[in-house]
Amino acid sequence: MALDAPRCVPVAVYVCTGDPDASELLADYSSEIATARDWNVVATLRDVDRKAPLASRPGWNRVLDLLSAKAVRGVVTFSVAMLSDDADSYASLCKLFQSRGAFVCAAHETFNTASMLSNESAVDSTLLRTCKGTPVFSGSEAGTELKP
């Protein structure tokens, strides 16, 4: 891709950690992952309490707003643990995004989602991609109704 060419896939970077210095480093790293894939980072959103339910986090709700408005087609985070406590919840989140034509990419795998998801019959193998060993789900276009 030429340096002056526009990046084709708009994404949001999302991190959740209580340490401000770590938040900055993890967001920068996640942005680098996105940039390396020629994705355009249009927003970087942060939350501070990983123990809070995902739906109650202000930064995450802003991510959902961006996805619903089709301002982004994906979310890049440092770790799946920033989105979920277990592989099943993460898989459900990825499937929700996939059903809306969006994707989730974790730069660092914290539990073995790749092997767990490879056994899921509902996952269309043509939509399963790899991002540093972590599954990324994608689709044709972002949905408009991501919030329940």
N, C-alpha and C. Protein backbone atom coordinates (compact mmCIF):
# COMPACT_ATOMS: atom_id res chain seq x y z
N MET A 1 0.84 -1.17 0.00
CA MET A 1 0.00 0.00 0.00
C MET A 1 0.89 1.23 0.00
N ALA A 2 0.60 2.17 -0.85
CA ALA A 2 1.37 3.41 -0.92
C ALA A 2 1.18 4.21 0.37
N LEU A 3 2.22 4.92 0.75
CA LEU A 3 2.16 5.68 1.99
C LEU A 3 1.08 6.75 1.98
N ASP A 4 0.77 7.30 0.81
CA ASP A 4 -0.23 8.36 0.75
C ASP A 4 -1.65 7.83 0.48
N ALA A 5 -1.80 6.52 0.31
CA ALA A 5 -3.12 5.94 0.06
C ALA A 5 -3.92 5.88 1.37
N PRO A 6 -5.22 6.09 1.29
CA PRO A 6 -6.03 6.02 2.50
C PRO A 6 -6.12 4.59 3.03
N ARG A 7 -6.18 4.45 4.30
CA ARG A 7 -6.37 3.13 4.91
C ARG A 7 -7.83 2.75 4.72
N CYS A 8 -8.08 1.48 4.43
CA CYS A 8 -9.42 1.13 3.98
C CYS A 8 -10.40 0.70 5.06
N VAL A 9 -9.98 0.20 6.18
CA VAL A 9 -10.93 -0.29 7.18
C VAL A 9 -10.84 0.58 8.43
N PRO A 10 -11.90 1.31 8.74
CA PRO A 10 -11.88 2.14 9.95
C PRO A 10 -12.12 1.27 11.19
N VAL A 11 -11.29 1.47 12.21
CA VAL A 11 -11.42 0.71 13.45
C VAL A 11 -11.31 1.64 14.65
N ALA A 12 -11.80 1.13 15.77
CA ALA A 12 -11.62 1.79 17.06
C ALA A 12 -10.65 0.93 17.88
N VAL A 13 -9.76 1.57 18.59
CA VAL A 13 -8.89 0.89 19.54
C VAL A 13 -9.55 1.02 20.91
N TYR A 14 -9.63 -0.10 21.64
CA TYR A 14 -10.25 -0.09 22.96
C TYR A 14 -9.33 -0.78 23.96
N VAL A 15 -9.03 -0.10 25.06
CA VAL A 15 -8.27 -0.71 26.15
C VAL A 15 -8.97 -0.43 27.47
N CYS A 16 -8.78 -1.34 28.39
CA CYS A 16 -9.39 -1.20 29.71
C CYS A 16 -8.38 -1.63 30.77
N THR A 17 -7.84 -0.65 31.48
CA THR A 17 -6.91 -0.90 32.57
C THR A 17 -6.91 0.31 33.48
N GLY A 18 -6.67 0.07 34.75
CA GLY A 18 -6.67 1.15 35.73
C GLY A 18 -5.37 1.94 35.79
N ASP A 19 -4.35 1.47 35.11
CA ASP A 19 -3.05 2.14 35.14
C ASP A 19 -2.93 3.06 33.93
N PRO A 20 -2.88 4.39 34.15
CA PRO A 20 -2.83 5.33 33.02
C PRO A 20 -1.63 5.13 32.10
N ASP A 21 -0.45 4.82 32.68
CA ASP A 21 0.74 4.60 31.84
C ASP A 21 0.57 3.35 30.99
N ALA A 22 0.06 2.29 31.61
CA ALA A 22 -0.17 1.06 30.86
C ALA A 22 -1.23 1.28 29.79
N SER A 23 -2.25 2.04 30.11
CA SER A 23 -3.31 2.33 29.14
C SER A 23 -2.74 2.96 27.88
N GLU A 24 -1.87 3.91 28.06
CA GLU A 24 -1.25 4.59 26.91
C GLU A 24 -0.41 3.62 26.08
N LEU A 25 0.41 2.81 26.76
CA LEU A 25 1.27 1.85 26.06
C LEU A 25 0.45 0.80 25.32
N LEU A 26 -0.59 0.28 25.97
CA LEU A 26 -1.42 -0.76 25.36
C LEU A 26 -2.22 -0.22 24.18
N ALA A 27 -2.68 1.01 24.30
CA ALA A 27 -3.40 1.64 23.19
C ALA A 27 -2.46 1.88 22.02
N ASP A 28 -1.24 2.34 22.31
CA ASP A 28 -0.25 2.55 21.25
C ASP A 28 0.07 1.24 20.54
N TYR A 29 0.28 0.18 21.30
CA TYR A 29 0.59 -1.12 20.71
C TYR A 29 -0.57 -1.61 19.84
N SER A 30 -1.78 -1.49 20.35
CA SER A 30 -2.96 -1.92 19.59
C SER A 30 -3.11 -1.09 18.31
N SER A 31 -2.82 0.19 18.39
CA SER A 31 -2.85 1.05 17.19
C SER A 31 -1.81 0.61 16.17
N GLU A 32 -0.64 0.21 16.65
CA GLU A 32 0.39 -0.28 15.74
C GLU A 32 -0.06 -1.56 15.03
N ILE A 33 -0.75 -2.44 15.75
CA ILE A 33 -1.28 -3.66 15.14
C ILE A 33 -2.26 -3.28 14.02
N ALA A 34 -3.14 -2.34 14.31
CA ALA A 34 -4.11 -1.90 13.32
C ALA A 34 -3.42 -1.28 12.11
N THR A 35 -2.47 -0.41 12.34
CA THR A 35 -1.76 0.26 11.27
C THR A 35 -1.00 -0.74 10.39
N ALA A 36 -0.44 -1.76 11.02
CA ALA A 36 0.30 -2.79 10.27
C ALA A 36 -0.61 -3.55 9.32
N ARG A 37 -1.91 -3.56 9.60
CA ARG A 37 -2.88 -4.23 8.73
C ARG A 37 -3.59 -3.26 7.80
N ASP A 38 -3.07 -2.04 7.73
CA ASP A 38 -3.65 -0.98 6.90
C ASP A 38 -5.06 -0.62 7.32
N TRP A 39 -5.34 -0.73 8.62
CA TRP A 39 -6.61 -0.28 9.16
C TRP A 39 -6.44 1.14 9.65
N ASN A 40 -7.47 1.93 9.53
CA ASN A 40 -7.43 3.33 9.94
C ASN A 40 -8.03 3.47 11.35
N VAL A 41 -7.21 3.84 12.32
CA VAL A 41 -7.70 4.04 13.68
C VAL A 41 -8.39 5.40 13.74
N VAL A 42 -9.71 5.38 13.92
CA VAL A 42 -10.47 6.63 13.95
C VAL A 42 -10.81 7.06 15.37
N ALA A 43 -10.65 6.16 16.34
CA ALA A 43 -10.91 6.51 17.73
C ALA A 43 -10.14 5.57 18.65
N THR A 44 -9.68 6.12 19.76
CA THR A 44 -9.06 5.32 20.80
C THR A 44 -9.86 5.57 22.07
N LEU A 45 -10.42 4.49 22.60
CA LEU A 45 -11.30 4.61 23.76
C LEU A 45 -10.76 3.79 24.91
N ARG A 46 -10.90 4.35 26.11
CA ARG A 46 -10.34 3.71 27.29
C ARG A 46 -11.38 3.65 28.41
N ASP A 47 -11.30 2.56 29.16
CA ASP A 47 -12.03 2.42 30.41
C ASP A 47 -11.02 2.01 31.47
N VAL A 48 -11.39 2.19 32.74
CA VAL A 48 -10.43 1.94 33.82
C VAL A 48 -10.77 0.75 34.70
N ASP A 49 -11.97 0.21 34.61
CA ASP A 49 -12.39 -0.87 35.51
C ASP A 49 -12.75 -2.13 34.74
N ARG A 50 -11.79 -3.07 34.67
CA ARG A 50 -12.04 -4.32 33.95
C ARG A 50 -13.04 -5.22 34.65
N LYS A 51 -13.29 -4.96 35.93
CA LYS A 51 -14.26 -5.78 36.66
C LYS A 51 -15.70 -5.32 36.41
N ALA A 52 -15.85 -4.11 35.90
CA ALA A 52 -17.19 -3.61 35.58
C ALA A 52 -17.74 -4.37 34.38
N PRO A 53 -19.04 -4.64 34.37
CA PRO A 53 -19.62 -5.30 33.20
C PRO A 53 -19.36 -4.48 31.94
N LEU A 54 -19.09 -5.16 30.87
CA LEU A 54 -18.76 -4.50 29.60
C LEU A 54 -19.83 -3.48 29.22
N ALA A 55 -21.09 -3.83 29.38
CA ALA A 55 -22.18 -2.95 28.97
C ALA A 55 -22.26 -1.67 29.79
N SER A 56 -21.62 -1.64 30.95
CA SER A 56 -21.69 -0.44 31.79
C SER A 56 -20.46 0.45 31.66
N ARG A 57 -19.54 0.09 30.80
CA ARG A 57 -18.31 0.89 30.62
C ARG A 57 -18.55 1.99 29.59
N PRO A 58 -18.27 3.25 29.96
CA PRO A 58 -18.50 4.37 29.03
C PRO A 58 -17.71 4.26 27.72
N GLY A 59 -16.44 3.88 27.81
CA GLY A 59 -15.64 3.75 26.59
C GLY A 59 -16.18 2.67 25.66
N TRP A 60 -16.59 1.54 26.23
CA TRP A 60 -17.14 0.46 25.42
C TRP A 60 -18.45 0.89 24.77
N ASN A 61 -19.28 1.62 25.50
CA ASN A 61 -20.53 2.10 24.91
C ASN A 61 -20.27 3.05 23.76
N ARG A 62 -19.22 3.82 23.83
CA ARG A 62 -18.83 4.70 22.72
C ARG A 62 -18.39 3.85 21.51
N VAL A 63 -17.68 2.75 21.77
CA VAL A 63 -17.31 1.82 20.70
C VAL A 63 -18.57 1.33 19.99
N LEU A 64 -19.57 0.91 20.77
CA LEU A 64 -20.81 0.41 20.18
C LEU A 64 -21.54 1.49 19.39
N ASP A 65 -21.48 2.73 19.88
CA ASP A 65 -22.09 3.85 19.15
C ASP A 65 -21.41 4.03 17.79
N LEU A 66 -20.08 3.95 17.78
CA LEU A 66 -19.32 4.10 16.52
C LEU A 66 -19.65 2.97 15.55
N LEU A 67 -19.77 1.75 16.07
CA LEU A 67 -20.12 0.61 15.22
C LEU A 67 -21.53 0.76 14.67
N SER A 68 -22.45 1.15 15.52
CA SER A 68 -23.84 1.31 15.07
C SER A 68 -23.97 2.40 14.02
N ALA A 69 -23.16 3.45 14.14
CA ALA A 69 -23.19 4.55 13.18
C ALA A 69 -22.37 4.22 11.92
N LYS A 70 -21.78 3.03 11.89
CA LYS A 70 -20.92 2.60 10.78
C LYS A 70 -19.70 3.49 10.61
N ALA A 71 -19.29 4.13 11.69
CA ALA A 71 -18.07 4.94 11.66
C ALA A 71 -16.83 4.05 11.74
N VAL A 72 -16.98 2.85 12.30
CA VAL A 72 -15.91 1.87 12.35
C VAL A 72 -16.48 0.51 11.96
N ARG A 73 -15.60 -0.37 11.47
CA ARG A 73 -16.02 -1.73 11.11
C ARG A 73 -15.43 -2.77 12.03
N GLY A 74 -14.56 -2.32 12.94
CA GLY A 74 -13.94 -3.28 13.84
C GLY A 74 -13.39 -2.62 15.08
N VAL A 75 -13.01 -3.49 16.02
CA VAL A 75 -12.44 -3.05 17.29
C VAL A 75 -11.13 -3.81 17.48
N VAL A 76 -10.09 -3.07 17.80
CA VAL A 76 -8.79 -3.66 18.11
C VAL A 76 -8.52 -3.39 19.57
N THR A 77 -8.24 -4.44 20.32
CA THR A 77 -7.92 -4.31 21.73
C THR A 77 -6.61 -5.02 21.99
N PHE A 78 -6.00 -4.73 23.13
CA PHE A 78 -4.73 -5.40 23.44
C PHE A 78 -4.96 -6.85 23.81
N SER A 79 -5.96 -7.12 24.62
CA SER A 79 -6.16 -8.44 25.18
C SER A 79 -7.64 -8.79 25.22
N VAL A 80 -7.95 -10.05 24.97
CA VAL A 80 -9.34 -10.49 25.08
C VAL A 80 -9.84 -10.32 26.50
N ALA A 81 -8.95 -10.34 27.48
CA ALA A 81 -9.35 -10.16 28.88
C ALA A 81 -9.90 -8.76 29.14
N MET A 82 -9.65 -7.82 28.26
CA MET A 82 -10.22 -6.48 28.40
C MET A 82 -11.69 -6.48 28.01
N LEU A 83 -12.13 -7.53 27.33
CA LEU A 83 -13.52 -7.63 26.88
C LEU A 83 -14.30 -8.74 27.57
N SER A 84 -13.60 -9.72 28.10
CA SER A 84 -14.28 -10.90 28.62
C SER A 84 -13.41 -11.62 29.63
N ASP A 85 -14.07 -12.33 30.55
CA ASP A 85 -13.35 -13.13 31.55
C ASP A 85 -13.09 -14.56 31.10
N ASP A 86 -13.78 -15.01 30.05
CA ASP A 86 -13.61 -16.40 29.62
C ASP A 86 -13.80 -16.52 28.11
N ALA A 87 -13.36 -17.64 27.59
CA ALA A 87 -13.39 -17.87 26.14
C ALA A 87 -14.81 -17.92 25.59
N ASP A 88 -15.75 -18.48 26.34
CA ASP A 88 -17.12 -18.56 25.85
C ASP A 88 -17.74 -17.18 25.67
N SER A 89 -17.54 -16.30 26.63
CA SER A 89 -18.08 -14.94 26.52
C SER A 89 -17.43 -14.19 25.36
N TYR A 90 -16.13 -14.39 25.19
CA TYR A 90 -15.43 -13.74 24.08
C TYR A 90 -15.96 -14.26 22.74
N ALA A 91 -16.17 -15.56 22.66
CA ALA A 91 -16.69 -16.14 21.42
C ALA A 91 -18.08 -15.59 21.12
N SER A 92 -18.91 -15.43 22.14
CA SER A 92 -20.24 -14.86 21.95
C SER A 92 -20.15 -13.42 21.45
N LEU A 93 -19.24 -12.65 22.01
CA LEU A 93 -19.04 -11.27 21.58
C LEU A 93 -18.60 -11.23 20.12
N CYS A 94 -17.65 -12.08 19.76
CA CYS A 94 -17.18 -12.12 18.37
C CYS A 94 -18.30 -12.51 17.42
N LYS A 95 -19.12 -13.46 17.82
CA LYS A 95 -20.25 -13.88 16.97
C LYS A 95 -21.27 -12.76 16.81
N LEU A 96 -21.50 -11.99 17.88
CA LEU A 96 -22.39 -10.85 17.78
C LEU A 96 -21.85 -9.84 16.78
N PHE A 97 -20.58 -9.54 16.88
CA PHE A 97 -19.96 -8.60 15.94
C PHE A 97 -20.03 -9.15 14.53
N GLN A 98 -19.72 -10.43 14.38
CA GLN A 98 -19.75 -11.05 13.06
C GLN A 98 -21.14 -10.96 12.45
N SER A 99 -22.17 -11.18 13.25
CA SER A 99 -23.54 -11.12 12.74
C SER A 99 -23.91 -9.72 12.28
N ARG A 100 -23.19 -8.72 12.75
CA ARG A 100 -23.43 -7.33 12.37
C ARG A 100 -22.43 -6.85 11.32
N GLY A 101 -21.63 -7.77 10.79
CA GLY A 101 -20.67 -7.40 9.76
C GLY A 101 -19.44 -6.68 10.29
N ALA A 102 -19.13 -6.87 11.55
CA ALA A 102 -17.98 -6.21 12.18
C ALA A 102 -17.01 -7.26 12.70
N PHE A 103 -15.89 -6.84 13.26
CA PHE A 103 -14.93 -7.79 13.80
C PHE A 103 -14.29 -7.25 15.07
N VAL A 104 -13.71 -8.18 15.83
CA VAL A 104 -12.94 -7.89 17.03
C VAL A 104 -11.56 -8.49 16.81
N CYS A 105 -10.54 -7.74 17.15
CA CYS A 105 -9.16 -8.22 17.03
C CYS A 105 -8.44 -7.96 18.35
N ALA A 106 -7.88 -9.00 18.94
CA ALA A 106 -7.06 -8.85 20.14
C ALA A 106 -5.61 -9.03 19.76
N ALA A 107 -4.78 -8.06 20.12
CA ALA A 107 -3.37 -8.10 19.76
C ALA A 107 -2.60 -9.15 20.56
N HIS A 108 -3.11 -9.49 21.73
CA HIS A 108 -2.43 -10.44 22.61
C HIS A 108 -3.45 -11.43 23.14
N GLU A 109 -3.21 -12.71 22.90
CA GLU A 109 -4.14 -13.75 23.34
C GLU A 109 -3.85 -14.12 24.79
N THR A 110 -4.89 -14.10 25.63
CA THR A 110 -4.70 -14.43 27.04
C THR A 110 -5.30 -15.77 27.42
N PHE A 111 -6.12 -16.34 26.56
CA PHE A 111 -6.55 -17.72 26.72
C PHE A 111 -6.73 -18.29 25.32
N ASN A 112 -6.81 -19.59 25.21
CA ASN A 112 -6.75 -20.24 23.91
C ASN A 112 -8.08 -20.15 23.17
N THR A 113 -8.35 -18.98 22.63
CA THR A 113 -9.59 -18.79 21.88
C THR A 113 -9.51 -19.44 20.51
N ALA A 114 -8.32 -19.53 19.94
CA ALA A 114 -8.19 -20.07 18.59
C ALA A 114 -8.66 -21.52 18.54
N SER A 115 -8.21 -22.35 19.48
CA SER A 115 -8.61 -23.75 19.43
C SER A 115 -10.08 -23.91 19.80
N MET A 116 -10.55 -23.12 20.75
CA MET A 116 -11.96 -23.22 21.15
C MET A 116 -12.86 -22.81 19.99
N LEU A 117 -12.53 -21.73 19.31
CA LEU A 117 -13.37 -21.25 18.22
C LEU A 117 -13.28 -22.13 16.98
N SER A 118 -12.15 -22.80 16.79
CA SER A 118 -12.03 -23.65 15.61
C SER A 118 -12.98 -24.84 15.69
N ASN A 119 -13.45 -25.17 16.87
CA ASN A 119 -14.38 -26.28 17.05
C ASN A 119 -15.84 -25.84 16.97
N GLU A 120 -16.11 -24.55 16.81
CA GLU A 120 -17.47 -24.05 16.75
C GLU A 120 -18.03 -24.23 15.35
N SER A 121 -19.07 -25.03 15.20
CA SER A 121 -19.63 -25.30 13.88
C SER A 121 -20.32 -24.07 13.30
N ALA A 122 -20.76 -23.12 14.15
CA ALA A 122 -21.48 -21.95 13.66
C ALA A 122 -20.55 -20.91 13.03
N VAL A 123 -19.25 -21.07 13.22
CA VAL A 123 -18.31 -20.10 12.69
C VAL A 123 -18.00 -20.44 11.24
N ASP A 124 -18.24 -19.51 10.35
CA ASP A 124 -17.93 -19.68 8.94
C ASP A 124 -16.42 -19.54 8.77
N SER A 125 -15.75 -20.59 8.34
CA SER A 125 -14.30 -20.58 8.27
C SER A 125 -13.76 -19.51 7.32
N THR A 126 -14.55 -19.07 6.37
CA THR A 126 -14.08 -18.01 5.48
C THR A 126 -14.04 -16.67 6.18
N LEU A 127 -14.73 -16.55 7.32
CA LEU A 127 -14.73 -15.30 8.06
C LEU A 127 -13.73 -15.28 9.20
N LEU A 128 -13.09 -16.42 9.45
CA LEU A 128 -12.14 -16.50 10.54
C LEU A 128 -10.76 -16.13 10.02
N ARG A 129 -10.20 -15.08 10.58
CA ARG A 129 -8.85 -14.65 10.22
C ARG A 129 -8.00 -14.68 11.47
N THR A 130 -6.72 -14.46 11.33
CA THR A 130 -5.83 -14.48 12.48
C THR A 130 -5.17 -13.14 12.67
N CYS A 131 -5.14 -12.69 13.89
CA CYS A 131 -4.47 -11.45 14.27
C CYS A 131 -3.57 -11.79 15.44
N LYS A 132 -2.31 -12.01 15.17
CA LYS A 132 -1.36 -12.40 16.21
C LYS A 132 -1.85 -13.61 16.99
N GLY A 133 -2.43 -14.60 16.29
CA GLY A 133 -2.87 -15.83 16.93
C GLY A 133 -4.26 -15.77 17.53
N THR A 134 -4.91 -14.62 17.49
CA THR A 134 -6.23 -14.47 18.07
C THR A 134 -7.25 -14.34 16.96
N PRO A 135 -8.39 -15.01 17.05
CA PRO A 135 -9.37 -14.94 15.98
C PRO A 135 -9.92 -13.54 15.76
N VAL A 136 -10.13 -13.24 14.52
CA VAL A 136 -10.77 -11.98 14.13
C VAL A 136 -11.94 -12.35 13.26
N PHE A 137 -13.10 -11.86 13.59
CA PHE A 137 -14.27 -12.11 12.78
C PHE A 137 -14.55 -10.87 11.96
N SER A 138 -14.90 -11.05 10.72
CA SER A 138 -15.24 -9.91 9.88
C SER A 138 -16.44 -10.24 9.04
N GLY A 139 -17.02 -9.20 8.45
CA GLY A 139 -18.17 -9.40 7.60
C GLY A 139 -18.21 -8.33 6.54
N SER A 140 -19.31 -8.25 5.82
CA SER A 140 -19.37 -7.37 4.68
C SER A 140 -19.54 -5.90 5.06
N GLU A 141 -20.35 -5.62 6.07
CA GLU A 141 -20.49 -4.23 6.50
C GLU A 141 -21.00 -4.20 7.94
N ALA A 142 -20.71 -3.11 8.63
CA ALA A 142 -21.11 -3.00 10.03
C ALA A 142 -22.62 -2.87 10.13
N GLY A 143 -23.18 -3.46 11.16
CA GLY A 143 -24.62 -3.40 11.39
C GLY A 143 -25.02 -2.09 12.04
N THR A 144 -26.30 -1.85 12.10
CA THR A 144 -26.77 -0.60 12.67
C THR A 144 -27.33 -0.77 14.05
N GLU A 145 -27.54 -1.98 14.50
CA GLU A 145 -28.16 -2.21 15.80
C GLU A 145 -27.29 -3.11 16.66
N LEU A 146 -26.20 -2.60 17.19
CA LEU A 146 -25.33 -3.40 18.03
C LEU A 146 -25.76 -3.40 19.49
N LYS A 147 -26.42 -2.36 19.92
CA LYS A 147 -26.86 -2.31 21.31
C LYS A 147 -28.15 -3.08 21.46
N PRO A 148 -28.28 -3.81 22.59
CA PRO A 148 -29.52 -4.59 22.79
C PRO A 148 -30.72 -3.70 22.94
